[in-house]
Amino acid sequence: MSRVIAHGVDLVEVERIKRSLDEHCERFVERCFTKAEAEYCRSARPPRDVERFAARFAAKEAALKALGTGWADGIAWTDVEVVLAPSGAPSVRLAGKAQELAQELGIAEMLISLSHTSTNAMASVIAVGD
């Protein structure tokens, strides 16, 4: 039976992400999102594209909260990736230092829920172990 190890939640204002995209565009996208995430977000028409970026940003923050850390400790933004199943359901894929930390904590999987409106995006991540 799986057990809950931790839970992380984050809420992001869509306008904040829009400002980052407007002011720093490619630098912001390359630093914070994988190529697959950026392609998925950009496949939507405005303003849905920004909402998708905001939801993924919130997911990364929530995942790190579930790991009990921040962006220090050598974890890159792209070490936390939101991937989609063919059904469209999101999941979290960890790499690098984030994956190492998850293994140390006994985390086998991260369950994720995303939601967004034109003004806010939120993510909830539950870290579960065996």
N, C-alpha and C. Protein backbone atom coordinates (compact mmCIF):
# COMPACT_ATOMS: atom_id res chain seq x y z
N MET A 1 0.84 -1.18 0.00
CA MET A 1 0.00 0.00 0.00
C MET A 1 0.89 1.25 0.00
N SER A 2 0.53 2.21 -0.80
CA SER A 2 1.28 3.47 -0.87
C SER A 2 0.98 4.33 0.35
N ARG A 3 1.96 5.12 0.73
CA ARG A 3 1.75 6.04 1.85
C ARG A 3 2.11 7.45 1.41
N VAL A 4 1.39 8.41 1.95
CA VAL A 4 1.66 9.81 1.65
C VAL A 4 2.88 10.24 2.44
N ILE A 5 3.86 10.78 1.74
CA ILE A 5 5.07 11.28 2.39
C ILE A 5 4.99 12.78 2.60
N ALA A 6 4.46 13.49 1.62
CA ALA A 6 4.38 14.95 1.72
C ALA A 6 3.36 15.49 0.73
N HIS A 7 2.99 16.75 0.93
CA HIS A 7 2.03 17.41 0.06
C HIS A 7 2.52 18.83 -0.17
N GLY A 8 2.52 19.26 -1.42
CA GLY A 8 2.90 20.64 -1.75
C GLY A 8 1.81 21.29 -2.59
N VAL A 9 1.54 22.55 -2.31
CA VAL A 9 0.52 23.30 -3.05
C VAL A 9 1.12 24.64 -3.43
N ASP A 10 0.76 25.14 -4.61
CA ASP A 10 1.22 26.48 -5.00
C ASP A 10 0.15 27.17 -5.83
N LEU A 11 0.08 28.47 -5.68
CA LEU A 11 -0.86 29.31 -6.42
C LEU A 11 -0.05 30.42 -7.08
N VAL A 12 -0.27 30.62 -8.37
CA VAL A 12 0.48 31.61 -9.15
C VAL A 12 -0.50 32.55 -9.83
N GLU A 13 -0.19 33.83 -9.82
CA GLU A 13 -0.98 34.79 -10.58
C GLU A 13 -0.55 34.72 -12.04
N VAL A 14 -1.48 34.50 -12.93
CA VAL A 14 -1.19 34.37 -14.36
C VAL A 14 -0.49 35.64 -14.87
N GLU A 15 -0.89 36.79 -14.38
CA GLU A 15 -0.30 38.06 -14.83
C GLU A 15 1.20 38.11 -14.52
N ARG A 16 1.62 37.53 -13.41
CA ARG A 16 3.05 37.49 -13.05
C ARG A 16 3.84 36.70 -14.10
N ILE A 17 3.29 35.58 -14.53
CA ILE A 17 3.96 34.77 -15.55
C ILE A 17 3.94 35.49 -16.89
N LYS A 18 2.84 36.17 -17.20
CA LYS A 18 2.76 36.95 -18.44
C LYS A 18 3.84 38.02 -18.47
N ARG A 19 4.05 38.69 -17.34
CA ARG A 19 5.11 39.72 -17.27
C ARG A 19 6.48 39.10 -17.51
N SER A 20 6.73 37.95 -16.91
CA SER A 20 8.02 37.28 -17.12
C SER A 20 8.20 36.88 -18.58
N LEU A 21 7.14 36.40 -19.20
CA LEU A 21 7.21 36.05 -20.62
C LEU A 21 7.42 37.29 -21.48
N ASP A 22 6.73 38.38 -21.16
CA ASP A 22 6.87 39.62 -21.93
C ASP A 22 8.26 40.23 -21.78
N GLU A 23 8.80 40.20 -20.57
CA GLU A 23 10.07 40.87 -20.29
C GLU A 23 11.29 40.01 -20.62
N HIS A 24 11.17 38.71 -20.44
CA HIS A 24 12.36 37.85 -20.56
C HIS A 24 12.17 36.69 -21.53
N CYS A 25 11.06 36.61 -22.15
CA CYS A 25 10.62 35.57 -23.07
C CYS A 25 11.49 34.31 -23.12
N GLU A 26 12.37 34.20 -24.11
CA GLU A 26 13.11 32.94 -24.31
C GLU A 26 13.99 32.59 -23.12
N ARG A 27 14.61 33.57 -22.50
CA ARG A 27 15.46 33.28 -21.35
C ARG A 27 14.64 32.66 -20.22
N PHE A 28 13.48 33.22 -19.96
CA PHE A 28 12.58 32.69 -18.92
C PHE A 28 12.11 31.28 -19.28
N VAL A 29 11.67 31.10 -20.50
CA VAL A 29 11.15 29.79 -20.94
C VAL A 29 12.25 28.74 -20.88
N GLU A 30 13.42 29.03 -21.40
CA GLU A 30 14.51 28.04 -21.42
C GLU A 30 15.00 27.71 -20.01
N ARG A 31 14.95 28.67 -19.12
CA ARG A 31 15.42 28.44 -17.75
C ARG A 31 14.42 27.61 -16.94
N CYS A 32 13.13 27.84 -17.17
CA CYS A 32 12.10 27.25 -16.30
C CYS A 32 11.38 26.04 -16.86
N PHE A 33 11.36 25.86 -18.17
CA PHE A 33 10.53 24.82 -18.77
C PHE A 33 11.34 23.95 -19.72
N THR A 34 10.96 22.68 -19.78
CA THR A 34 11.59 21.80 -20.77
C THR A 34 11.05 22.16 -22.15
N LYS A 35 11.71 21.66 -23.18
CA LYS A 35 11.23 21.93 -24.54
C LYS A 35 9.82 21.39 -24.74
N ALA A 36 9.55 20.21 -24.21
CA ALA A 36 8.21 19.62 -24.36
C ALA A 36 7.15 20.46 -23.66
N GLU A 37 7.48 20.96 -22.47
CA GLU A 37 6.52 21.83 -21.76
C GLU A 37 6.26 23.11 -22.55
N ALA A 38 7.32 23.72 -23.05
CA ALA A 38 7.18 24.96 -23.81
C ALA A 38 6.35 24.73 -25.07
N GLU A 39 6.60 23.63 -25.76
CA GLU A 39 5.83 23.33 -26.97
C GLU A 39 4.35 23.14 -26.66
N TYR A 40 4.07 22.42 -25.58
CA TYR A 40 2.67 22.21 -25.19
C TYR A 40 2.00 23.54 -24.85
N CYS A 41 2.65 24.37 -24.06
CA CYS A 41 2.06 25.65 -23.67
C CYS A 41 1.83 26.53 -24.89
N ARG A 42 2.79 26.56 -25.78
CA ARG A 42 2.69 27.42 -26.97
C ARG A 42 1.71 26.89 -28.01
N SER A 43 1.27 25.64 -27.84
CA SER A 43 0.30 25.09 -28.80
C SER A 43 -1.10 25.66 -28.58
N ALA A 44 -1.30 26.33 -27.47
CA ALA A 44 -2.60 26.96 -27.18
C ALA A 44 -2.58 28.41 -27.64
N ARG A 45 -3.74 28.89 -28.02
CA ARG A 45 -3.85 30.30 -28.41
C ARG A 45 -3.87 31.18 -27.16
N PRO A 46 -3.36 32.41 -27.29
CA PRO A 46 -3.45 33.34 -26.16
C PRO A 46 -4.92 33.58 -25.79
N PRO A 47 -5.24 33.73 -24.54
CA PRO A 47 -4.36 33.76 -23.37
C PRO A 47 -4.13 32.40 -22.74
N ARG A 48 -4.69 31.33 -23.34
CA ARG A 48 -4.53 29.99 -22.75
C ARG A 48 -3.07 29.56 -22.66
N ASP A 49 -2.23 30.03 -23.57
CA ASP A 49 -0.82 29.66 -23.52
C ASP A 49 -0.18 30.11 -22.22
N VAL A 50 -0.46 31.34 -21.80
CA VAL A 50 0.11 31.87 -20.56
C VAL A 50 -0.46 31.11 -19.36
N GLU A 51 -1.73 30.77 -19.40
CA GLU A 51 -2.34 29.99 -18.31
C GLU A 51 -1.64 28.64 -18.18
N ARG A 52 -1.31 28.02 -19.30
CA ARG A 52 -0.60 26.73 -19.25
C ARG A 52 0.79 26.89 -18.66
N PHE A 53 1.51 27.94 -19.06
CA PHE A 53 2.83 28.19 -18.46
C PHE A 53 2.68 28.40 -16.95
N ALA A 54 1.68 29.17 -16.54
CA ALA A 54 1.47 29.46 -15.12
C ALA A 54 1.16 28.18 -14.34
N ALA A 55 0.35 27.31 -14.89
CA ALA A 55 0.02 26.06 -14.20
C ALA A 55 1.26 25.19 -14.03
N ARG A 56 2.10 25.14 -15.05
CA ARG A 56 3.32 24.34 -14.94
C ARG A 56 4.32 24.96 -13.97
N PHE A 57 4.37 26.28 -13.94
CA PHE A 57 5.22 26.96 -12.96
C PHE A 57 4.75 26.61 -11.55
N ALA A 58 3.45 26.68 -11.32
CA ALA A 58 2.89 26.32 -10.01
C ALA A 58 3.20 24.86 -9.67
N ALA A 59 3.14 23.98 -10.66
CA ALA A 59 3.42 22.57 -10.44
C ALA A 59 4.86 22.36 -9.98
N LYS A 60 5.78 23.07 -10.58
CA LYS A 60 7.19 22.95 -10.20
C LYS A 60 7.38 23.41 -8.76
N GLU A 61 6.76 24.52 -8.40
CA GLU A 61 6.85 25.03 -7.03
C GLU A 61 6.23 24.04 -6.04
N ALA A 62 5.06 23.51 -6.38
CA ALA A 62 4.38 22.55 -5.50
C ALA A 62 5.20 21.27 -5.33
N ALA A 63 5.82 20.81 -6.40
CA ALA A 63 6.64 19.60 -6.32
C ALA A 63 7.83 19.82 -5.40
N LEU A 64 8.45 20.98 -5.49
CA LEU A 64 9.59 21.25 -4.60
C LEU A 64 9.15 21.37 -3.16
N LYS A 65 7.97 21.92 -2.93
CA LYS A 65 7.44 21.97 -1.56
C LYS A 65 7.22 20.55 -1.05
N ALA A 66 6.73 19.67 -1.89
CA ALA A 66 6.53 18.27 -1.49
C ALA A 66 7.87 17.59 -1.20
N LEU A 67 8.92 18.03 -1.89
CA LEU A 67 10.26 17.49 -1.64
C LEU A 67 10.90 18.12 -0.41
N GLY A 68 10.28 19.18 0.11
CA GLY A 68 10.80 19.84 1.31
C GLY A 68 12.00 20.71 1.04
N THR A 69 12.11 21.23 -0.17
CA THR A 69 13.26 22.05 -0.53
C THR A 69 12.81 23.21 -1.40
N GLY A 70 13.75 24.06 -1.74
CA GLY A 70 13.49 25.14 -2.68
C GLY A 70 14.37 24.95 -3.89
N TRP A 71 14.58 26.02 -4.62
CA TRP A 71 15.38 25.92 -5.83
C TRP A 71 16.87 25.95 -5.54
N ALA A 72 17.23 26.05 -4.28
CA ALA A 72 18.63 25.93 -3.92
C ALA A 72 19.00 24.45 -4.04
N ASP A 73 20.03 24.06 -3.42
CA ASP A 73 20.42 22.65 -3.39
C ASP A 73 20.73 22.07 -4.77
N GLY A 74 21.00 22.93 -5.76
CA GLY A 74 21.39 22.45 -7.08
C GLY A 74 20.27 21.93 -7.94
N ILE A 75 19.03 22.17 -7.55
CA ILE A 75 17.89 21.71 -8.35
C ILE A 75 17.58 22.76 -9.42
N ALA A 76 17.50 22.31 -10.66
CA ALA A 76 17.16 23.20 -11.78
C ALA A 76 15.65 23.16 -12.00
N TRP A 77 15.12 24.25 -12.55
CA TRP A 77 13.69 24.31 -12.86
C TRP A 77 13.29 23.14 -13.77
N THR A 78 14.16 22.78 -14.68
CA THR A 78 13.84 21.71 -15.64
C THR A 78 14.01 20.31 -15.04
N ASP A 79 14.46 20.23 -13.78
CA ASP A 79 14.52 18.93 -13.09
C ASP A 79 13.12 18.46 -12.69
N VAL A 80 12.16 19.36 -12.74
CA VAL A 80 10.76 19.03 -12.47
C VAL A 80 9.98 19.32 -13.75
N GLU A 81 9.38 18.29 -14.33
CA GLU A 81 8.68 18.44 -15.60
C GLU A 81 7.26 17.90 -15.49
N VAL A 82 6.31 18.65 -16.03
CA VAL A 82 4.93 18.18 -16.12
C VAL A 82 4.77 17.52 -17.49
N VAL A 83 4.42 16.25 -17.48
CA VAL A 83 4.20 15.51 -18.72
C VAL A 83 2.74 15.08 -18.77
N LEU A 84 2.25 14.87 -19.98
CA LEU A 84 0.85 14.49 -20.16
C LEU A 84 0.72 13.07 -20.69
N ALA A 85 -0.20 12.33 -20.12
CA ALA A 85 -0.56 11.01 -20.63
C ALA A 85 -1.38 11.20 -21.90
N PRO A 86 -1.51 10.18 -22.73
CA PRO A 86 -2.36 10.31 -23.92
C PRO A 86 -3.78 10.79 -23.60
N SER A 87 -4.25 10.49 -22.39
CA SER A 87 -5.58 10.93 -21.97
C SER A 87 -5.62 12.41 -21.64
N GLY A 88 -4.43 13.02 -21.50
CA GLY A 88 -4.35 14.43 -21.12
C GLY A 88 -4.09 14.63 -19.64
N ALA A 89 -4.08 13.55 -18.87
CA ALA A 89 -3.82 13.65 -17.43
C ALA A 89 -2.36 14.02 -17.19
N PRO A 90 -2.11 15.01 -16.33
CA PRO A 90 -0.73 15.41 -16.06
C PRO A 90 -0.07 14.49 -15.03
N SER A 91 1.24 14.40 -15.13
CA SER A 91 2.04 13.73 -14.11
C SER A 91 3.36 14.46 -13.99
N VAL A 92 4.11 14.15 -12.94
CA VAL A 92 5.39 14.81 -12.69
C VAL A 92 6.51 13.84 -13.03
N ARG A 93 7.48 14.32 -13.80
CA ARG A 93 8.69 13.56 -14.09
C ARG A 93 9.85 14.33 -13.45
N LEU A 94 10.60 13.65 -12.60
CA LEU A 94 11.75 14.27 -11.95
C LEU A 94 13.04 13.82 -12.61
N ALA A 95 14.03 14.69 -12.58
CA ALA A 95 15.35 14.39 -13.13
C ALA A 95 16.40 15.02 -12.21
N GLY A 96 17.65 14.71 -12.45
CA GLY A 96 18.76 15.35 -11.76
C GLY A 96 18.63 15.33 -10.25
N LYS A 97 18.94 16.46 -9.62
CA LYS A 97 18.94 16.58 -8.16
C LYS A 97 17.56 16.35 -7.56
N ALA A 98 16.51 16.75 -8.26
CA ALA A 98 15.15 16.53 -7.75
C ALA A 98 14.86 15.04 -7.64
N GLN A 99 15.28 14.29 -8.65
CA GLN A 99 15.07 12.84 -8.62
C GLN A 99 15.90 12.19 -7.51
N GLU A 100 17.13 12.65 -7.35
CA GLU A 100 17.99 12.12 -6.28
C GLU A 100 17.36 12.35 -4.91
N LEU A 101 16.85 13.56 -4.69
CA LEU A 101 16.22 13.88 -3.42
C LEU A 101 14.97 13.03 -3.19
N ALA A 102 14.17 12.85 -4.22
CA ALA A 102 12.97 12.02 -4.10
C ALA A 102 13.34 10.59 -3.70
N GLN A 103 14.39 10.06 -4.29
CA GLN A 103 14.83 8.70 -3.95
C GLN A 103 15.28 8.63 -2.50
N GLU A 104 16.03 9.64 -2.05
CA GLU A 104 16.49 9.68 -0.66
C GLU A 104 15.32 9.70 0.32
N LEU A 105 14.24 10.38 -0.07
CA LEU A 105 13.06 10.50 0.79
C LEU A 105 12.10 9.32 0.66
N GLY A 106 12.40 8.40 -0.24
CA GLY A 106 11.54 7.24 -0.44
C GLY A 106 10.29 7.53 -1.25
N ILE A 107 10.35 8.59 -2.05
CA ILE A 107 9.21 8.96 -2.89
C ILE A 107 9.24 8.13 -4.17
N ALA A 108 8.17 7.40 -4.40
CA ALA A 108 8.07 6.55 -5.59
C ALA A 108 7.33 7.25 -6.72
N GLU A 109 6.43 8.16 -6.35
CA GLU A 109 5.58 8.81 -7.35
C GLU A 109 5.07 10.13 -6.80
N MET A 110 4.79 11.06 -7.71
CA MET A 110 4.17 12.33 -7.32
C MET A 110 2.86 12.44 -8.08
N LEU A 111 1.78 12.54 -7.33
CA LEU A 111 0.45 12.70 -7.91
C LEU A 111 0.18 14.20 -8.04
N ILE A 112 -0.40 14.61 -9.15
CA ILE A 112 -0.55 16.05 -9.40
C ILE A 112 -1.95 16.38 -9.87
N SER A 113 -2.39 17.54 -9.45
CA SER A 113 -3.64 18.11 -9.95
C SER A 113 -3.36 19.57 -10.28
N LEU A 114 -3.78 20.00 -11.47
CA LEU A 114 -3.59 21.38 -11.92
C LEU A 114 -4.94 22.01 -12.22
N SER A 115 -5.03 23.31 -12.02
CA SER A 115 -6.21 24.05 -12.41
C SER A 115 -5.80 25.48 -12.70
N HIS A 116 -6.49 26.10 -13.65
CA HIS A 116 -6.17 27.50 -13.93
C HIS A 116 -7.38 28.23 -14.48
N THR A 117 -7.37 29.53 -14.22
CA THR A 117 -8.37 30.44 -14.77
C THR A 117 -7.60 31.53 -15.49
N SER A 118 -8.27 32.55 -15.92
CA SER A 118 -7.58 33.65 -16.59
C SER A 118 -6.72 34.45 -15.62
N THR A 119 -6.94 34.31 -14.32
CA THR A 119 -6.18 35.10 -13.34
C THR A 119 -5.24 34.30 -12.46
N ASN A 120 -5.55 33.04 -12.18
CA ASN A 120 -4.73 32.24 -11.28
C ASN A 120 -4.53 30.82 -11.80
N ALA A 121 -3.40 30.25 -11.40
CA ALA A 121 -3.11 28.84 -11.68
C ALA A 121 -2.68 28.20 -10.38
N MET A 122 -3.13 26.97 -10.16
CA MET A 122 -2.74 26.28 -8.93
C MET A 122 -2.34 24.85 -9.24
N ALA A 123 -1.51 24.34 -8.34
CA ALA A 123 -1.08 22.95 -8.45
C ALA A 123 -1.02 22.34 -7.07
N SER A 124 -1.40 21.09 -7.00
CA SER A 124 -1.30 20.30 -5.79
C SER A 124 -0.51 19.05 -6.14
N VAL A 125 0.53 18.78 -5.36
CA VAL A 125 1.38 17.61 -5.61
C VAL A 125 1.45 16.79 -4.33
N ILE A 126 1.11 15.51 -4.43
CA ILE A 126 1.20 14.60 -3.30
C ILE A 126 2.31 13.60 -3.60
N ALA A 127 3.31 13.58 -2.73
CA ALA A 127 4.43 12.65 -2.87
C ALA A 127 4.07 11.37 -2.11
N VAL A 128 4.12 10.24 -2.82
CA VAL A 128 3.79 8.96 -2.20
C VAL A 128 4.97 8.00 -2.31
N GLY A 129 5.06 7.14 -1.31
CA GLY A 129 6.10 6.12 -1.30
C GLY A 129 5.47 4.76 -1.17
N ASP A 130 6.29 3.74 -1.30
CA ASP A 130 5.78 2.36 -1.20
C ASP A 130 5.51 1.97 0.23
